[in-house]
Amino acid sequence: MSKLRRQLSASIPNVVEAKSLVDLKATTGNLYESIAIMCKRANQINIAIKEELHNKLEEFASHTDSLEEIHENKEQIEISKAYERMPNPAILATQEFVENKIYYRTNDNDLFR
């Protein structure tokens, strides 16, 4: 199942919700470390979603069209709109972190979950 379908079927809201800093800090013991983990995960999600979108849109690309020959493609527009409705990668990463779905470790080889 593609990330698009998974994210649209998930119950993650598209809007930003306030999170308790104490709850975010509780997992790692350090608020800044928690934020750094969420940032790295958000970057991973963003890269994956961007690659998936480009792969889907590449199917519609026509390399021989001139500027006069460009036309609208309804399927391409629908795919783009669906990706625009998806939650922001930072929201997804925060939700994963709160639900303890992110695996991470520190440089001193102590494993955490």
Protein backbone atom coordinates (compact mmCIF):
# COMPACT_ATOMS: atom_id res chain seq x y z
CA MET A 1 0.00 0.00 0.00
CA SER A 2 1.40 3.40 -0.92
CA LYS A 3 2.15 6.05 1.67
CA LEU A 4 -0.62 8.15 0.19
CA ARG A 5 -3.29 5.57 0.90
CA ARG A 6 -1.89 4.79 4.35
CA GLN A 7 -1.78 8.44 5.38
CA LEU A 8 -5.24 9.25 4.04
CA SER A 9 -6.73 6.21 5.75
CA ALA A 10 -5.00 6.98 9.05
CA SER A 11 -6.78 9.02 11.68
CA ILE A 12 -4.05 11.66 11.76
CA PRO A 13 -5.48 15.19 11.53
CA ASN A 14 -4.23 17.60 8.87
CA VAL A 15 -3.99 20.49 11.31
CA VAL A 16 -1.43 21.17 14.00
CA GLU A 17 -2.49 20.26 17.52
CA ALA A 18 -0.78 21.40 20.68
CA LYS A 19 1.37 18.72 22.33
CA SER A 20 2.54 18.64 25.91
CA LEU A 21 6.26 19.37 26.09
CA VAL A 22 6.43 17.26 29.23
CA ASP A 23 5.10 14.26 27.29
CA LEU A 24 7.62 14.81 24.48
CA LYS A 25 10.44 15.13 27.00
CA ALA A 26 9.39 12.03 28.94
CA THR A 27 10.44 9.59 26.24
CA THR A 28 14.08 10.67 25.95
CA GLY A 29 14.57 12.78 29.08
CA ASN A 30 15.62 15.73 26.92
CA LEU A 31 13.20 17.93 24.99
CA TYR A 32 15.80 18.96 22.39
CA GLU A 33 16.77 15.36 21.73
CA SER A 34 13.09 14.48 21.23
CA ILE A 35 12.69 17.36 18.78
CA ALA A 36 15.83 16.33 16.89
CA ILE A 37 14.49 12.77 16.56
CA MET A 38 11.16 14.06 15.24
CA CYS A 39 12.96 16.37 12.78
CA LYS A 40 15.03 13.55 11.36
CA ARG A 41 11.95 11.36 10.99
CA ALA A 42 10.02 14.21 9.33
CA ASN A 43 12.85 14.56 6.80
CA GLN A 44 12.70 10.82 6.06
CA ILE A 45 8.93 10.96 5.57
CA ASN A 46 9.22 14.05 3.36
CA ILE A 47 11.82 12.41 1.12
CA ALA A 48 9.75 9.24 0.78
CA ILE A 49 6.56 11.13 -0.05
CA LYS A 50 8.35 13.39 -2.53
CA GLU A 51 9.90 10.38 -4.33
CA GLU A 52 6.54 8.64 -4.49
CA LEU A 53 4.84 11.76 -5.88
CA HIS A 54 7.53 12.30 -8.51
CA ASN A 55 7.31 8.65 -9.58
CA LYS A 56 3.55 8.90 -10.00
CA LEU A 57 3.73 12.19 -11.87
CA GLU A 58 6.54 10.90 -14.10
CA GLU A 59 4.01 8.54 -15.68
CA PHE A 60 2.21 11.58 -17.08
CA ALA A 61 5.32 13.44 -18.23
CA SER A 62 5.67 14.06 -21.91
CA HIS A 63 9.18 15.03 -22.94
CA THR A 64 8.27 16.04 -26.50
CA ASP A 65 5.65 18.72 -25.74
CA SER A 66 6.35 22.33 -26.55
CA LEU A 67 4.85 25.17 -24.56
CA GLU A 68 1.85 25.39 -26.89
CA GLU A 69 1.02 21.69 -26.54
CA ILE A 70 0.76 21.51 -22.76
CA HIS A 71 -2.67 20.27 -21.69
CA GLU A 72 -4.36 19.46 -18.41
CA ASN A 73 -4.42 15.90 -17.24
CA LYS A 74 -7.26 15.22 -14.77
CA GLU A 75 -5.52 12.22 -13.17
CA GLN A 76 -2.36 14.23 -12.58
CA ILE A 77 -4.38 17.03 -10.96
CA GLU A 78 -6.19 14.55 -8.70
CA ILE A 79 -2.91 12.97 -7.57
CA SER A 80 -1.48 16.40 -6.77
CA LYS A 81 -4.58 17.41 -4.82
CA ALA A 82 -4.49 14.17 -2.83
CA TYR A 83 -0.88 14.81 -1.82
CA GLU A 84 -1.75 18.38 -0.85
CA ARG A 85 -4.46 17.07 1.51
CA MET A 86 -2.00 14.80 3.30
CA PRO A 87 -0.76 15.82 6.75
CA ASN A 88 2.54 17.65 6.98
CA PRO A 89 5.56 15.31 7.52
CA ALA A 90 6.27 17.09 10.83
CA ILE A 91 2.76 16.23 12.05
CA LEU A 92 3.24 12.60 11.00
CA ALA A 93 6.63 12.39 12.70
CA THR A 94 5.27 13.91 15.92
CA GLN A 95 2.38 11.45 15.94
CA GLU A 96 4.77 8.52 15.41
CA PHE A 97 6.99 9.78 18.23
CA VAL A 98 4.08 10.16 20.64
CA GLU A 99 2.91 6.63 19.80
CA ASN A 100 6.48 5.24 20.28
CA LYS A 101 6.68 4.04 16.67
CA ILE A 102 10.11 5.58 16.02
CA TYR A 103 13.23 3.53 16.65
CA TYR A 104 16.27 5.63 17.55
CA ARG A 105 19.58 5.32 19.32
CA THR A 106 22.25 7.63 20.65
CA ASN A 107 25.89 7.83 19.60
CA ASP A 108 27.11 6.01 22.71
CA ASN A 109 25.42 2.83 21.37
CA ASP A 110 22.71 2.81 24.04
CA LEU A 111 19.60 1.54 22.30
CA PHE A 112 16.30 3.21 23.05
CA ARG A 113 12.77 2.70 21.91
